[in-house]
Amino acid sequence: MKIVIRDETLTGKVAQEFYLELEASSLTIAELIRSRVFEEVNEFNNNLPKPFKGLIEPRAEELILNPATTTGRDRKADPEEHVKTALKAFDNNGFLVLVNNKQYTDPEAIVSLEAGAMITFIKLVPLIGG
C-alpha cells in the first residue's frame, strides 16, 4: 500500500513530498517513523553520491567522512542510527507527526492507514544525527 509522506515547515510550506510503500495497514507511530527513515536512508545509500535529504540530517562528522561528492560505495549512512535519532527526536518534540491531519504524540499509538493516506512531518528543530 502506498502512502504519502510530506515534510512541512512550521509555516506550512511543503519541503518535500514522496510516496512510501508499506506492507501493513495498521502500525504504530514508531513503526511508521522507522519505515520512513529506513526508506530514505536506503534511497540515499543506493544513489550515492547524491546529497542526503531526509528527516534526520547527517552529523557534521558524517558529512566530512561521507561528502556529497563521494563515489565509493563503502561510505553509507547507517539506517539503525538514523532511526534511533528520529525516535529520540520524536520523544523530545523535535518534530510532529500528523496522520491525515490528526496529530499523534505517543510513539506506541496504533494507526490504521488506507492507500493514499497523508503522513505529515513538521520539524520543530533541526534534526542532526545518525
C-alpha atoms as a PDB file:
ATOM      1  CA  MET A   1       0.000   0.000   0.000  1.00  0.00           C
ATOM      2  CA  LYS A   2       1.335   3.449  -0.907  1.00  0.00           C
ATOM      3  CA  ILE A   3       1.012   6.379   1.459  1.00  0.00           C
ATOM      4  CA  VAL A   4       2.107   9.989   1.008  1.00  0.00           C
ATOM      5  CA  ILE A   5       4.902  11.374   3.192  1.00  0.00           C
ATOM      6  CA  ARG A   6       5.089  15.145   3.387  1.00  0.00           C
ATOM      7  CA  ASP A   7       7.638  17.302   5.213  1.00  0.00           C
ATOM      8  CA  GLU A   8       6.378  20.753   6.118  1.00  0.00           C
ATOM      9  CA  THR A   9       7.842  23.777   7.818  1.00  0.00           C
ATOM     10  CA  LEU A  10       6.139  25.446  10.773  1.00  0.00           C
ATOM     11  CA  THR A  11       4.638  27.937   8.341  1.00  0.00           C
ATOM     12  CA  GLY A  12       3.029  25.159   6.289  1.00  0.00           C
ATOM     13  CA  LYS A  13       5.455  25.284   3.379  1.00  0.00           C
ATOM     14  CA  VAL A  14       5.979  21.831   1.823  1.00  0.00           C
ATOM     15  CA  ALA A  15       9.686  20.981   1.894  1.00  0.00           C
ATOM     16  CA  GLN A  16       9.330  17.621   0.159  1.00  0.00           C
ATOM     17  CA  GLU A  17       6.733  15.001  -0.639  1.00  0.00           C
ATOM     18  CA  PHE A  18       7.118  11.370  -1.690  1.00  0.00           C
ATOM     19  CA  TYR A  19       5.368   8.015  -1.626  1.00  0.00           C
ATOM     20  CA  LEU A  20       6.225   5.273   0.835  1.00  0.00           C
ATOM     21  CA  GLU A  21       5.265   1.649   0.278  1.00  0.00           C
ATOM     22  CA  LEU A  22       4.074  -0.120   3.428  1.00  0.00           C
ATOM     23  CA  GLU A  23       3.284  -3.787   3.896  1.00  0.00           C
ATOM     24  CA  ALA A  24       0.959  -3.372   6.878  1.00  0.00           C
ATOM     25  CA  SER A  25      -2.095  -1.147   7.044  1.00  0.00           C
ATOM     26  CA  SER A  26      -2.010  -0.977  10.844  1.00  0.00           C
ATOM     27  CA  LEU A  27       1.172   0.042  12.649  1.00  0.00           C
ATOM     28  CA  THR A  28       2.480   2.188  15.482  1.00  0.00           C
ATOM     29  CA  ILE A  29       3.758   5.719  15.010  1.00  0.00           C
ATOM     30  CA  ALA A  30       7.244   4.412  15.914  1.00  0.00           C
ATOM     31  CA  GLU A  31       6.997   1.784  13.144  1.00  0.00           C
ATOM     32  CA  LEU A  32       5.835   4.451  10.717  1.00  0.00           C
ATOM     33  CA  ILE A  33       8.822   6.662  11.593  1.00  0.00           C
ATOM     34  CA  ARG A  34      11.133   3.645  11.281  1.00  0.00           C
ATOM     35  CA  SER A  35       9.733   2.744   7.846  1.00  0.00           C
ATOM     36  CA  ARG A  36      10.132   6.301   6.617  1.00  0.00           C
ATOM     37  CA  VAL A  37      13.712   6.662   7.891  1.00  0.00           C
ATOM     38  CA  PHE A  38      14.779   3.249   6.560  1.00  0.00           C
ATOM     39  CA  GLU A  39      13.352   4.095   3.127  1.00  0.00           C
ATOM     40  CA  GLU A  40      15.147   7.427   2.846  1.00  0.00           C
ATOM     41  CA  VAL A  41      18.468   6.046   4.147  1.00  0.00           C
ATOM     42  CA  ASN A  42      18.253   3.116   1.704  1.00  0.00           C
ATOM     43  CA  GLU A  43      17.404   5.542  -1.106  1.00  0.00           C
ATOM     44  CA  PHE A  44      20.439   7.630  -0.184  1.00  0.00           C
ATOM     45  CA  ASN A  45      22.739   4.608   0.092  1.00  0.00           C
ATOM     46  CA  ASN A  46      21.591   3.299  -3.299  1.00  0.00           C
ATOM     47  CA  ASN A  47      22.056   6.657  -5.015  1.00  0.00           C
ATOM     48  CA  LEU A  48      25.450   7.846  -3.822  1.00  0.00           C
ATOM     49  CA  PRO A  49      26.860  10.473  -4.395  1.00  0.00           C
ATOM     50  CA  LYS A  50      23.616  12.467  -4.198  1.00  0.00           C
ATOM     51  CA  PRO A  51      23.237  14.585  -1.040  1.00  0.00           C
ATOM     52  CA  PHE A  52      21.104  13.205   1.782  1.00  0.00           C
ATOM     53  CA  LYS A  53      17.553  14.557   2.015  1.00  0.00           C
ATOM     54  CA  GLY A  54      15.559  13.172   4.888  1.00  0.00           C
ATOM     55  CA  LEU A  55      14.036  13.536   8.306  1.00  0.00           C
ATOM     56  CA  ILE A  56      17.383  13.179  10.094  1.00  0.00           C
ATOM     57  CA  GLU A  57      20.299  15.137   8.658  1.00  0.00           C
ATOM     58  CA  PRO A  58      23.770  13.551   8.839  1.00  0.00           C
ATOM     59  CA  ARG A  59      26.016  14.805  11.640  1.00  0.00           C
ATOM     60  CA  ALA A  60      28.908  17.127  10.728  1.00  0.00           C
ATOM     61  CA  GLU A  61      31.378  14.250  11.228  1.00  0.00           C
ATOM     62  CA  GLU A  62      29.367  12.094   8.824  1.00  0.00           C
ATOM     63  CA  LEU A  63      29.391  14.831   6.199  1.00  0.00           C
ATOM     64  CA  ILE A  64      33.174  15.121   6.490  1.00  0.00           C
ATOM     65  CA  LEU A  65      33.609  11.350   6.187  1.00  0.00           C
ATOM     66  CA  ASN A  66      30.905  10.967   3.541  1.00  0.00           C
ATOM     67  CA  PRO A  67      30.867  14.118   1.404  1.00  0.00           C
ATOM     68  CA  ALA A  68      28.156  14.521  -1.209  1.00  0.00           C
ATOM     69  CA  THR A  69      30.749  14.021  -3.944  1.00  0.00           C
ATOM     70  CA  THR A  70      31.768  10.591  -2.653  1.00  0.00           C
ATOM     71  CA  THR A  71      31.708   7.891  -5.303  1.00  0.00           C
ATOM     72  CA  GLY A  72      32.728   4.963  -3.105  1.00  0.00           C
ATOM     73  CA  ARG A  73      30.007   2.533  -2.082  1.00  0.00           C
ATOM     74  CA  ASP A  74      31.677   1.841   1.279  1.00  0.00           C
ATOM     75  CA  ARG A  75      30.553   5.141   2.825  1.00  0.00           C
ATOM     76  CA  LYS A  76      26.889   4.705   3.595  1.00  0.00           C
ATOM     77  CA  ALA A  77      24.519   6.069   6.199  1.00  0.00           C
ATOM     78  CA  ASP A  78      23.501   3.669   8.986  1.00  0.00           C
ATOM     79  CA  PRO A  79      19.697   3.303   8.999  1.00  0.00           C
ATOM     80  CA  GLU A  80      19.610   1.978  12.580  1.00  0.00           C
ATOM     81  CA  GLU A  81      21.440   5.068  13.865  1.00  0.00           C
ATOM     82  CA  HIS A  82      19.104   7.363  11.946  1.00  0.00           C
ATOM     83  CA  VAL A  83      16.062   5.525  13.349  1.00  0.00           C
ATOM     84  CA  LYS A  84      17.381   5.855  16.925  1.00  0.00           C
ATOM     85  CA  THR A  85      17.943   9.579  16.383  1.00  0.00           C
ATOM     86  CA  ALA A  86      14.492  10.034  14.832  1.00  0.00           C
ATOM     87  CA  LEU A  87      12.675   8.205  17.632  1.00  0.00           C
ATOM     88  CA  LYS A  88      14.592  10.139  20.280  1.00  0.00           C
ATOM     89  CA  ALA A  89      13.776  13.406  18.480  1.00  0.00           C
ATOM     90  CA  PHE A  90      10.092  12.452  18.324  1.00  0.00           C
ATOM     91  CA  ASP A  91      10.093  11.708  22.069  1.00  0.00           C
ATOM     92  CA  ASN A  92      11.738  15.105  22.686  1.00  0.00           C
ATOM     93  CA  ASN A  93       9.265  17.033  20.491  1.00  0.00           C
ATOM     94  CA  GLY A  94      11.782  17.593  17.698  1.00  0.00           C
ATOM     95  CA  PHE A  95       9.047  17.058  15.124  1.00  0.00           C
ATOM     96  CA  LEU A  96       5.323  16.474  14.898  1.00  0.00           C
ATOM     97  CA  VAL A  97       3.613  13.582  13.124  1.00  0.00           C
ATOM     98  CA  LEU A  98       0.163  14.053  11.653  1.00  0.00           C
ATOM     99  CA  VAL A  99      -1.771  11.203  10.065  1.00  0.00           C
ATOM    100  CA  ASN A 100      -4.499  12.586   7.830  1.00  0.00           C
ATOM    101  CA  ASN A 101      -4.238  15.888   9.762  1.00  0.00           C
ATOM    102  CA  LYS A 102      -4.553  14.254  13.198  1.00  0.00           C
ATOM    103  CA  GLN A 103      -1.536  14.761  15.468  1.00  0.00           C
ATOM    104  CA  TYR A 104      -0.030  11.807  17.338  1.00  0.00           C
ATOM    105  CA  THR A 105       2.299  12.215  20.322  1.00  0.00           C
ATOM    106  CA  ASP A 106       2.575   8.617  21.542  1.00  0.00           C
ATOM    107  CA  PRO A 107       5.088   6.509  19.571  1.00  0.00           C
ATOM    108  CA  GLU A 108       3.111   3.386  20.541  1.00  0.00           C
ATOM    109  CA  ALA A 109      -0.201   4.726  19.224  1.00  0.00           C
ATOM    110  CA  ILE A 110      -1.568   2.412  16.552  1.00  0.00           C
ATOM    111  CA  VAL A 111      -2.842   3.940  13.329  1.00  0.00           C
ATOM    112  CA  SER A 112      -4.834   2.242  10.595  1.00  0.00           C
ATOM    113  CA  LEU A 113      -3.911   3.517   7.163  1.00  0.00           C
ATOM    114  CA  GLU A 114      -5.529   3.318   3.768  1.00  0.00           C
ATOM    115  CA  ALA A 115      -3.812   3.720   0.415  1.00  0.00           C
ATOM    116  CA  GLY A 116      -3.091   7.398  -0.204  1.00  0.00           C
ATOM    117  CA  ALA A 117      -3.061   8.311   3.496  1.00  0.00           C
ATOM    118  CA  MET A 118      -1.215  11.586   4.141  1.00  0.00           C
ATOM    119  CA  ILE A 119       1.527  11.479   6.781  1.00  0.00           C
ATOM    120  CA  THR A 120       2.921  14.907   7.583  1.00  0.00           C
ATOM    121  CA  PHE A 121       6.168  15.508   9.459  1.00  0.00           C
ATOM    122  CA  ILE A 122       6.734  19.009  10.800  1.00  0.00           C
ATOM    123  CA  LYS A 123      10.268  19.650  12.065  1.00  0.00           C
ATOM    124  CA  LEU A 124      10.355  21.901  15.087  1.00  0.00           C
ATOM    125  CA  VAL A 125      14.168  21.891  15.400  1.00  0.00           C
ATOM    126  CA  PRO A 126      16.942  20.790  13.036  1.00  0.00           C
ATOM    127  CA  LEU A 127      17.420  17.042  13.478  1.00  0.00           C
ATOM    128  CA  ILE A 128      21.079  16.062  13.326  1.00  0.00           C
ATOM    129  CA  GLY A 129      22.321  12.576  13.980  1.00  0.00           C
ATOM    130  CA  GLY A 130      22.775   9.126  12.519  1.00  0.00           C
END
